[in-house]
Structures are given as structure tokens and as C-alpha cells.
Amino acid sequence: MKKSRVLHYGVMQLPYAVTHCLCSDGKQRYASVTSLHNQDFYSIPASVKIYDKTSGTRKTVSGFVTWDKQKNVHVFHNYTYGKNGHLLP
């Protein structure tokens, strides 16, 4: 498993992506930050792109990224009530 990290930009070091973010299906994906106005310090609103086998296209799944201390990796949690939330287990 590759080490995940948060990518920052600008003088204020604002996050814009998380590389090698672990998803619930066990794959590591690139997570794009969707908003800089997170509700707390411990999560980052983000989205990942997933290949949908039924339609044959890539779909965007929204959720948030947290840090897992035991696995030492960033973890993506999807919103199950979202448009494509059913694509991740």
C-alpha cells in the first residue's frame, strides 16, 4: 500500500487533493477536495472517480477524507445518500 498525502497550494497551504486515498473497496484512489469550508478539523470534503461497470463510464462519488492512525493512511468515506453513493460498498 502506497503512502497517502495531502497536496497543498498557495501561501496559506490550502489542500486541493489527497493522493493514494484508501476507499471502502480496498483500492487507493486520487481524491479531489471539493470545498475548503470543512465543518471540523479532522475531515476534508472530497470526491473520487470510480469506473461504473454497468454503464461503462467514470462516475464521481462525493464524501470526505479522514486519517486512520492504525493503518497510517487517509481514508475516503462516501455519502451513501448521494447520486453515485451506491458504487462503493
Protein backbone atom coordinates (compact mmCIF):
# COMPACT_ATOMS: atom_id res chain seq x y z
CA MET A 1 0.00 0.00 0.00
CA LYS A 2 1.41 3.37 -1.02
CA LYS A 3 1.66 6.20 1.49
CA SER A 4 -1.10 8.79 1.15
CA ARG A 5 -0.52 12.52 1.47
CA VAL A 6 -2.42 15.78 1.21
CA LEU A 7 -1.34 18.12 -1.59
CA HIS A 8 -1.35 21.86 -0.77
CA TYR A 9 -1.00 25.06 -2.79
CA GLY A 10 -0.52 28.77 -2.23
CA VAL A 11 0.81 30.86 0.60
CA MET A 12 -1.89 29.66 3.01
CA GLN A 13 -1.19 25.99 2.15
CA LEU A 14 -4.79 25.17 1.20
CA PRO A 15 -5.44 21.47 0.45
CA TYR A 16 -6.57 20.60 -3.08
CA ALA A 17 -6.14 16.79 -3.28
CA VAL A 18 -5.26 13.61 -1.40
CA THR A 19 -3.14 11.04 -3.23
CA HIS A 20 -3.45 7.27 -2.65
CA CYS A 21 -6.57 7.65 -0.53
CA LEU A 22 -7.97 4.28 0.63
CA CYS A 23 -11.59 3.61 -0.40
CA SER A 24 -14.02 1.14 1.16
CA ASP A 25 -13.49 -1.36 -1.68
CA GLY A 26 -9.78 -1.63 -0.79
CA LYS A 27 -8.44 0.37 -3.75
CA GLN A 28 -6.37 3.52 -3.42
CA ARG A 29 -7.63 6.49 -5.45
CA TYR A 30 -6.93 10.18 -6.04
CA ALA A 31 -9.41 12.30 -4.02
CA SER A 32 -10.10 15.88 -5.12
CA VAL A 33 -11.01 18.40 -2.42
CA THR A 34 -14.46 19.84 -3.16
CA SER A 35 -14.71 22.55 -0.50
CA LEU A 36 -12.34 24.43 1.75
CA HIS A 37 -15.10 25.07 4.29
CA ASN A 38 -14.98 21.85 6.27
CA GLN A 39 -17.08 21.55 9.38
CA ASP A 40 -14.28 20.34 11.60
CA PHE A 41 -10.51 19.97 11.65
CA TYR A 42 -10.48 16.18 11.21
CA SER A 43 -12.19 15.72 7.83
CA ILE A 44 -11.86 17.16 4.32
CA PRO A 45 -14.82 17.20 1.89
CA ALA A 46 -13.73 15.40 -1.29
CA SER A 47 -14.76 13.29 -4.27
CA VAL A 48 -13.28 10.33 -6.14
CA LYS A 49 -13.87 9.00 -9.64
CA ILE A 50 -14.96 5.37 -9.98
CA TYR A 51 -15.44 3.24 -13.08
CA ASP A 52 -19.06 2.05 -13.30
CA LYS A 53 -19.12 -1.40 -14.94
CA THR A 54 -22.83 -1.28 -15.82
CA SER A 55 -22.67 1.94 -17.85
CA GLY A 56 -19.01 1.73 -18.86
CA THR A 57 -18.22 5.30 -17.74
CA ARG A 58 -16.40 7.01 -14.89
CA LYS A 59 -18.65 8.46 -12.18
CA THR A 60 -17.92 10.92 -9.38
CA VAL A 61 -18.66 9.81 -5.81
CA SER A 62 -18.75 12.50 -3.12
CA GLY A 63 -17.77 12.12 0.52
CA PHE A 64 -14.99 13.12 2.91
CA VAL A 65 -11.43 12.11 3.79
CA THR A 66 -10.17 11.30 7.29
CA TRP A 67 -6.89 10.00 8.73
CA ASP A 68 -6.69 6.42 10.05
CA LYS A 69 -3.98 6.16 12.71
CA GLN A 70 -3.85 2.36 12.79
CA LYS A 71 -3.44 1.92 9.02
CA ASN A 72 -1.37 5.13 8.73
CA VAL A 73 -3.29 6.22 5.61
CA HIS A 74 -6.02 8.66 4.55
CA VAL A 75 -9.45 7.01 4.16
CA PHE A 76 -12.30 8.14 1.88
CA HIS A 77 -15.84 7.80 3.28
CA ASN A 78 -18.60 8.13 0.68
CA TYR A 79 -22.03 9.64 1.20
CA THR A 80 -24.42 6.72 0.62
CA TYR A 81 -27.35 9.06 0.02
CA GLY A 82 -25.56 10.80 -2.89
CA LYS A 83 -26.17 10.33 -6.59
CA ASN A 84 -23.44 7.68 -7.06
CA GLY A 85 -23.04 6.60 -3.44
CA HIS A 86 -24.06 3.03 -4.27
CA LEU A 87 -20.92 2.44 -6.37
CA LEU A 88 -18.71 1.97 -3.29
CA PRO A 89 -19.59 -0.80 -0.78
